[in-house]
Amino acid sequence: MEKHIICSGCSFTRQFKRIGIDGTDLDFLDDAEYFWRWPHHLQIAYPDSIVYNLGNPTNDNQVIAFSIINKVSELLKKGIPSSDIRVIVQWSDSNRKSFFISDKISKEYNSNLKYQDLNENAYAHVSAFLDNVDESIGNSGYFIQSGGYSYRHVPYNVVDVFDKMGHYLSTENSTIEYFKNILLLQNYLKLKNIDFFQFNLSVNFNPASGAFTFSDIYYDKKIIKSFFNNFYINPYIQFLYEQIDMDKMWLFNDESTDNGGILEWSIKNFELSIDKKLFMEHEFIDLNEFIKSKSIDDYAFGHPSSEMNHKFVEKIIKKSL
C-alpha cells in the first residue's frame, strides 16, 4: 500500500474548507462528518498512509492539475520515493475556467483578498493553494474560478473576466481545455514515475448529454446519455483525446449511462433501505411524500452524501489501490 496518497478535485473532494485560506491538505478529518467526501473515508480505510486532500469548492481542472503537480514535487523534494506516492484525481466539470489574478491586477480592480473580510462569499471561487493560512493570502496572486459560470455572488471585480470570455465559450473549447489538463497531469506523473487513478464528477467525455428527471433517478434509475464511440468529429479534439491513457481513467457505464462519473455512479448505486441519503443537501425519508410536497423546481442535484462517498471508496477506489 502506498504511503502517500494525493487527492484533488472540486467540492466533490472537499467542500468544508479551502486550502491555503482556512484549511490545509492535512486537516480535512476535522471537517464536519456531514461534509465528508471520498478522501476522508480513504484516510480512515488506510490509517497507516498519509492522505493529502487538495480538493476545493469551485476548483476547475487547471487548478486541480496544478495543485497535484505542486504536491508531488514537494514530496519528491523531501526525498520520498515515487513508488511511495499515489495520485487520485477527481476531474470537475469541463466547462469550468480559472484565471490567475496577479497582486497588481487585484489591486487595480479592487479585488485583493482580505483575510478579515466578513463577507460570506469573500473566498468563493478563489483558489490560493500555495498560500499559508495566515494574513498573506493572495499576496502572490490567486486563481479566480468561474465555478460553472454562476459567479454573481463573488465580491471581486475581476470576475468581469468571465463576462469578457463568455463570447468565446463553446463545448469544443471546454473539451479541449479539459483534455489539455488531463494530458498535462498525465505526462508529468508518468515522467516522475507516479502511479495514478482518475475519475470525473460527471459526464465530461460525451459530446452531449440528455436530461434526466427526479422519477427517473429514484424509480427507474435511468440516466440516458448520448453514447460515445471514442471519436470526435472535430479534429482538434480528436487528436488530444487519442493521447489520453484511458486505462488510467475510471468511467461508469451501464445499460443507460455512458462514461459517467461519481455523480452517476452514486445515483445508480443508491439503495434507499441501506444508504438512506443520496445527496448531502437532501434528506429523503419518505419519497412519496417528498414528491407530493415538492415541485421539480425545489430539487437540484447535490453532492453525494458521506454514505455514498464511503461506498464509492469501498466499491471503486480500493480496487485501484
Protein backbone atom coordinates (compact mmCIF):
# COMPACT_ATOMS: atom_id res chain seq x y z
CA MET A 1 0.00 0.00 0.00
CA GLU A 2 1.31 3.45 -0.92
CA LYS A 3 2.36 5.63 1.99
CA HIS A 4 1.41 8.99 0.47
CA ILE A 5 -1.93 9.41 -1.32
CA ILE A 6 -2.52 12.77 -3.01
CA CYS A 7 -6.17 13.59 -3.73
CA SER A 8 -7.52 16.59 -5.57
CA GLY A 9 -10.81 17.73 -7.06
CA CYS A 10 -13.57 20.26 -6.56
CA SER A 11 -16.24 20.32 -3.82
CA PHE A 12 -16.90 16.66 -4.63
CA THR A 13 -13.50 16.08 -2.99
CA ARG A 14 -13.63 18.72 -0.23
CA GLN A 15 -16.20 21.40 0.50
CA PHE A 16 -15.80 22.37 4.15
CA LYS A 17 -12.60 24.46 3.89
CA ARG A 18 -10.24 25.92 1.28
CA ILE A 19 -6.56 25.03 1.00
CA GLY A 20 -4.29 27.99 1.84
CA ILE A 21 -7.17 30.13 3.09
CA ASP A 22 -8.78 28.48 6.11
CA GLY A 23 -7.56 24.89 5.79
CA THR A 24 -4.58 22.70 4.94
CA ASP A 25 -4.26 19.50 2.95
CA LEU A 26 -3.97 17.51 6.19
CA ASP A 27 -6.72 18.91 8.44
CA PHE A 28 -9.68 17.55 6.47
CA LEU A 29 -10.66 14.92 9.05
CA ASP A 30 -11.69 17.87 11.24
CA ASP A 31 -14.44 18.68 8.71
CA ALA A 32 -17.99 18.10 9.89
CA GLU A 33 -18.82 14.49 9.03
CA TYR A 34 -21.82 15.80 7.09
CA PHE A 35 -19.24 17.11 4.55
CA TRP A 36 -17.04 14.03 4.35
CA ARG A 37 -16.05 13.05 0.82
CA TRP A 38 -14.05 10.15 -0.59
CA PRO A 39 -10.59 11.27 0.70
CA HIS A 40 -11.96 11.39 4.25
CA HIS A 41 -13.12 7.79 4.04
CA LEU A 42 -9.91 6.82 2.26
CA GLN A 43 -7.82 8.07 5.18
CA ILE A 44 -9.97 6.10 7.63
CA ALA A 45 -9.66 2.99 5.45
CA TYR A 46 -5.85 3.31 5.30
CA PRO A 47 -4.71 4.76 8.65
CA ASP A 48 -1.07 3.84 8.01
CA SER A 49 -0.97 6.03 4.90
CA ILE A 50 -0.89 9.82 4.70
CA VAL A 51 -3.74 11.21 2.62
CA TYR A 52 -3.42 14.77 1.33
CA ASN A 53 -6.74 16.36 0.38
CA LEU A 54 -6.24 19.23 -2.09
CA GLY A 55 -9.92 19.49 -3.01
CA ASN A 56 -11.58 22.92 -3.02
CA PRO A 57 -15.07 24.20 -3.83
CA THR A 58 -15.37 25.51 -7.43
CA ASN A 59 -11.99 24.11 -8.46
CA ASP A 60 -11.60 23.88 -12.21
CA ASN A 61 -9.43 21.28 -13.90
CA GLN A 62 -6.45 23.59 -14.38
CA VAL A 63 -6.15 24.26 -10.64
CA ILE A 64 -6.73 20.57 -9.89
CA ALA A 65 -3.79 19.63 -12.13
CA PHE A 66 -1.55 22.42 -10.79
CA SER A 67 -2.26 21.54 -7.15
CA ILE A 68 -1.30 17.90 -7.70
CA ILE A 69 1.89 18.73 -9.59
CA ASN A 70 2.92 21.06 -6.77
CA LYS A 71 2.27 18.45 -4.08
CA VAL A 72 4.09 15.67 -5.94
CA SER A 73 7.08 17.99 -6.44
CA GLU A 74 7.03 18.87 -2.76
CA LEU A 75 7.10 15.22 -1.67
CA LEU A 76 9.81 14.28 -4.15
CA LYS A 77 11.99 17.16 -2.91
CA LYS A 78 11.62 15.73 0.60
CA GLY A 79 13.16 12.50 -0.64
CA ILE A 80 10.00 10.41 -0.72
CA PRO A 81 10.42 7.82 -3.49
CA SER A 82 7.96 7.94 -6.37
CA SER A 83 6.96 4.34 -5.63
CA ASP A 84 5.53 5.52 -2.29
CA ILE A 85 3.34 8.20 -3.87
CA ARG A 86 -0.10 7.61 -5.35
CA VAL A 87 -2.33 10.22 -7.01
CA ILE A 88 -6.13 10.07 -7.23
CA VAL A 89 -7.84 12.75 -9.32
CA GLN A 90 -11.48 13.79 -9.40
CA TRP A 91 -11.86 15.94 -12.52
CA SER A 92 -14.51 18.64 -12.33
CA ASP A 93 -16.96 19.89 -14.95
CA SER A 94 -15.18 20.63 -18.21
CA ASN A 95 -16.93 23.99 -18.61
CA ARG A 96 -15.26 25.49 -15.53
CA LYS A 97 -12.50 28.02 -16.12
CA SER A 98 -9.88 29.75 -13.97
CA PHE A 99 -7.68 32.81 -14.46
CA PHE A 100 -4.61 33.80 -12.49
CA ILE A 101 -5.03 37.25 -10.94
CA SER A 102 -1.71 38.90 -10.09
CA ASP A 103 -1.32 41.07 -7.00
CA LYS A 104 -1.02 44.13 -9.25
CA ILE A 105 -4.20 43.36 -11.18
CA SER A 106 -6.12 42.53 -7.99
CA LYS A 107 -5.30 45.97 -6.58
CA GLU A 108 -6.17 47.77 -9.82
CA TYR A 109 -9.57 46.09 -9.83
CA ASN A 110 -10.08 46.45 -6.07
CA SER A 111 -10.09 42.68 -5.86
CA ASN A 112 -7.28 41.89 -3.43
CA LEU A 113 -8.18 39.24 -0.87
CA LYS A 114 -8.86 40.45 2.65
CA TYR A 115 -8.32 37.93 5.41
CA GLN A 116 -10.66 39.72 7.85
CA ASP A 117 -13.39 40.25 5.26
CA LEU A 118 -16.63 39.15 6.88
CA ASN A 119 -18.47 38.75 3.58
CA GLU A 120 -19.67 35.15 3.49
CA ASN A 121 -18.56 34.91 -0.15
CA ALA A 122 -15.15 36.50 0.45
CA TYR A 123 -13.34 33.40 -0.74
CA ALA A 124 -15.97 31.95 -3.03
CA HIS A 125 -14.48 30.91 -6.38
CA VAL A 126 -10.96 31.60 -5.13
CA SER A 127 -8.00 29.22 -5.07
CA ALA A 128 -4.79 30.15 -3.23
CA PHE A 129 -3.42 26.64 -2.76
CA LEU A 130 0.21 27.77 -2.47
CA ASP A 131 -0.50 30.23 0.35
CA ASN A 132 -0.39 29.65 4.09
CA VAL A 133 -3.38 30.01 6.38
CA ASP A 134 -2.44 33.49 7.59
CA GLU A 135 -2.74 37.13 6.54
CA SER A 136 -0.54 36.71 3.45
CA ILE A 137 -3.38 35.19 1.43
CA GLY A 138 -3.32 36.48 -2.13
CA ASN A 139 -0.09 38.48 -1.85
CA SER A 140 1.41 36.45 -4.69
CA GLY A 141 -1.86 36.42 -6.62
CA TYR A 142 -4.61 33.85 -6.79
CA PHE A 143 -6.84 31.97 -9.19
CA ILE A 144 -10.38 33.24 -9.71
CA GLN A 145 -12.70 30.44 -10.88
CA SER A 146 -15.92 30.53 -12.84
CA GLY A 147 -17.41 27.58 -10.97
CA GLY A 148 -19.59 26.78 -13.98
CA TYR A 149 -20.28 30.46 -14.73
CA SER A 150 -22.56 31.23 -11.81
CA TYR A 151 -20.46 33.81 -10.01
CA ARG A 152 -22.58 36.93 -9.39
CA HIS A 153 -22.24 36.46 -5.63
CA VAL A 154 -18.43 36.76 -5.76
CA PRO A 155 -17.41 40.18 -4.30
CA TYR A 156 -14.47 40.85 -6.64
CA ASN A 157 -14.49 42.99 -9.76
CA VAL A 158 -12.10 40.67 -11.56
CA VAL A 159 -14.96 38.26 -12.23
CA ASP A 160 -15.62 40.54 -15.20
CA VAL A 161 -13.03 38.43 -16.99
CA PHE A 162 -15.64 35.68 -17.28
CA ASP A 163 -18.11 38.07 -18.88
CA LYS A 164 -15.48 39.09 -21.42
CA MET A 165 -14.63 35.48 -22.20
CA GLY A 166 -18.25 34.36 -22.43
CA HIS A 167 -18.42 35.16 -26.14
CA TYR A 168 -15.70 32.61 -26.85
CA LEU A 169 -17.08 29.78 -24.76
CA SER A 170 -18.15 26.61 -26.53
CA THR A 171 -18.43 22.90 -25.87
CA GLU A 172 -15.43 22.40 -28.15
CA ASN A 173 -13.29 24.88 -26.22
CA SER A 174 -14.28 23.35 -22.88
CA THR A 175 -13.42 19.85 -24.10
CA ILE A 176 -10.04 20.99 -25.45
CA GLU A 177 -9.22 22.65 -22.11
CA TYR A 178 -10.31 19.54 -20.23
CA PHE A 179 -8.14 17.23 -22.32
CA LYS A 180 -5.21 19.65 -22.09
CA ASN A 181 -5.26 19.48 -18.30
CA ILE A 182 -5.56 15.69 -18.29
CA LEU A 183 -2.53 15.44 -20.57
CA LEU A 184 -0.55 17.97 -18.54
CA LEU A 185 -1.00 15.93 -15.37
CA GLN A 186 -0.79 12.52 -17.05
CA ASN A 187 2.53 13.27 -18.73
CA TYR A 188 4.01 14.87 -15.60
CA LEU A 189 3.10 11.88 -13.43
CA LYS A 190 4.47 9.42 -15.98
CA LEU A 191 7.67 11.45 -16.22
CA LYS A 192 8.04 11.21 -12.45
CA ASN A 193 7.01 7.51 -12.34
CA ILE A 194 3.97 8.25 -10.16
CA ASP A 195 1.04 5.85 -10.36
CA PHE A 196 -2.38 7.47 -10.61
CA PHE A 197 -6.12 6.85 -10.85
CA GLN A 198 -8.69 9.34 -12.13
CA PHE A 199 -12.44 9.75 -12.45
CA ASN A 200 -14.92 12.52 -13.25
CA LEU A 201 -17.53 14.39 -11.29
CA SER A 202 -19.96 13.65 -14.10
CA VAL A 203 -20.01 13.09 -17.87
CA ASN A 204 -17.14 15.01 -19.50
CA PHE A 205 -16.29 12.78 -22.46
CA ASN A 206 -19.66 12.67 -24.19
CA PRO A 207 -20.25 15.26 -26.92
CA ALA A 208 -23.72 15.89 -25.47
CA SER A 209 -25.83 14.69 -22.56
CA GLY A 210 -29.53 14.01 -22.17
CA ALA A 211 -31.63 15.24 -19.29
CA PHE A 212 -32.92 13.04 -16.52
CA THR A 213 -35.75 13.59 -14.06
CA PHE A 214 -36.40 13.01 -10.40
CA SER A 215 -38.60 9.98 -11.07
CA ASP A 216 -36.01 8.50 -13.44
CA ILE A 217 -33.44 8.57 -10.66
CA TYR A 218 -35.42 7.13 -7.81
CA TYR A 219 -37.64 4.65 -9.56
CA ASP A 220 -36.17 3.57 -12.88
CA LYS A 221 -32.68 4.98 -12.24
CA LYS A 222 -32.46 5.91 -15.89
CA ILE A 223 -29.78 8.39 -16.83
CA ILE A 224 -29.92 8.49 -20.59
CA LYS A 225 -26.75 9.95 -22.03
CA SER A 226 -25.58 10.23 -25.59
CA PHE A 227 -23.31 7.29 -26.22
CA PHE A 228 -19.73 7.92 -27.24
CA ASN A 229 -17.81 5.72 -29.67
CA ASN A 230 -14.32 7.12 -28.98
CA PHE A 231 -14.50 9.50 -31.91
CA TYR A 232 -14.92 13.27 -32.06
CA ILE A 233 -15.85 14.88 -35.36
CA ASN A 234 -13.70 17.90 -34.57
CA PRO A 235 -10.03 17.01 -35.33
CA TYR A 236 -8.69 19.50 -32.76
CA ILE A 237 -10.46 17.49 -30.09
CA GLN A 238 -9.86 14.03 -31.52
CA PHE A 239 -6.06 14.31 -31.68
CA LEU A 240 -5.95 15.34 -28.00
CA TYR A 241 -8.30 12.55 -26.97
CA GLU A 242 -6.07 9.98 -28.66
CA GLN A 243 -3.18 10.97 -26.38
CA ILE A 244 -5.05 10.19 -23.16
CA ASP A 245 -4.22 6.95 -21.36
CA MET A 246 -7.78 5.71 -20.91
CA ASP A 247 -6.53 2.76 -18.86
CA LYS A 248 -5.96 5.30 -16.09
CA MET A 249 -9.47 6.78 -16.34
CA TRP A 250 -12.36 5.15 -14.49
CA LEU A 251 -15.73 5.70 -16.17
CA PHE A 252 -19.13 4.50 -15.04
CA ASN A 253 -21.03 2.65 -17.75
CA ASP A 254 -24.19 0.58 -17.71
CA GLU A 255 -27.15 -0.04 -20.00
CA SER A 256 -28.35 3.57 -19.86
CA THR A 257 -25.36 5.59 -18.68
CA ASP A 258 -22.28 6.20 -20.76
CA ASN A 259 -18.95 7.44 -19.41
CA GLY A 260 -20.37 8.74 -16.15
CA GLY A 261 -18.60 9.88 -13.01
CA ILE A 262 -19.12 9.67 -9.27
CA LEU A 263 -22.44 11.53 -9.59
CA GLU A 264 -23.99 8.98 -11.97
CA TRP A 265 -22.43 6.09 -10.05
CA SER A 266 -23.96 7.34 -6.79
CA ILE A 267 -27.40 7.72 -8.33
CA LYS A 268 -27.37 4.25 -9.88
CA ASN A 269 -25.93 2.57 -6.77
CA PHE A 270 -28.11 4.34 -4.22
CA GLU A 271 -30.30 1.98 -2.19
CA LEU A 272 -32.83 3.75 0.00
CA SER A 273 -33.16 0.91 2.51
CA ILE A 274 -29.38 0.79 3.03
CA ASP A 275 -27.90 4.17 2.19
CA LYS A 276 -30.75 6.42 3.43
CA LYS A 277 -29.35 9.59 1.83
CA LEU A 278 -28.17 10.14 -1.73
CA PHE A 279 -27.17 13.80 -1.72
CA MET A 280 -25.69 15.73 1.18
CA GLU A 281 -28.14 18.58 0.55
CA HIS A 282 -31.33 16.46 0.67
CA GLU A 283 -32.82 14.40 3.46
CA PHE A 284 -35.26 11.91 1.91
CA ILE A 285 -37.28 10.00 4.47
CA ASP A 286 -40.49 9.31 2.60
CA LEU A 287 -40.06 9.58 -1.16
CA ASN A 288 -43.78 9.57 -1.89
CA GLU A 289 -44.38 12.45 0.49
CA PHE A 290 -41.42 14.30 -0.96
CA ILE A 291 -42.78 14.00 -4.48
CA LYS A 292 -46.22 15.19 -3.36
CA SER A 293 -44.94 18.17 -1.42
CA LYS A 294 -42.10 19.38 -3.62
CA SER A 295 -42.07 20.71 -7.14
CA ILE A 296 -39.31 19.91 -9.56
CA ASP A 297 -38.05 23.48 -9.11
CA ASP A 298 -37.28 22.69 -5.48
CA TYR A 299 -35.00 19.87 -6.50
CA ALA A 300 -31.39 20.20 -7.54
CA PHE A 301 -28.65 17.66 -7.81
CA GLY A 302 -26.21 17.93 -4.98
CA HIS A 303 -23.04 16.36 -3.67
CA PRO A 304 -23.13 12.62 -2.99
CA SER A 305 -23.63 12.09 0.72
CA SER A 306 -20.92 10.92 3.09
CA GLU A 307 -22.53 7.48 2.95
CA MET A 308 -22.29 7.33 -0.84
CA ASN A 309 -18.69 8.58 -0.76
CA HIS A 310 -17.83 5.81 1.68
CA LYS A 311 -19.49 3.33 -0.64
CA PHE A 312 -17.53 4.70 -3.61
CA VAL A 313 -14.25 4.21 -1.73
CA GLU A 314 -15.17 0.64 -0.84
CA LYS A 315 -16.51 -0.38 -4.23
CA ILE A 316 -14.35 1.61 -6.67
CA ILE A 317 -11.28 3.38 -5.29
CA LYS A 318 -9.99 0.50 -3.17
CA LYS A 319 -9.78 -1.65 -6.28
CA SER A 320 -7.40 0.86 -7.83
CA LEU A 321 -5.09 0.67 -4.83
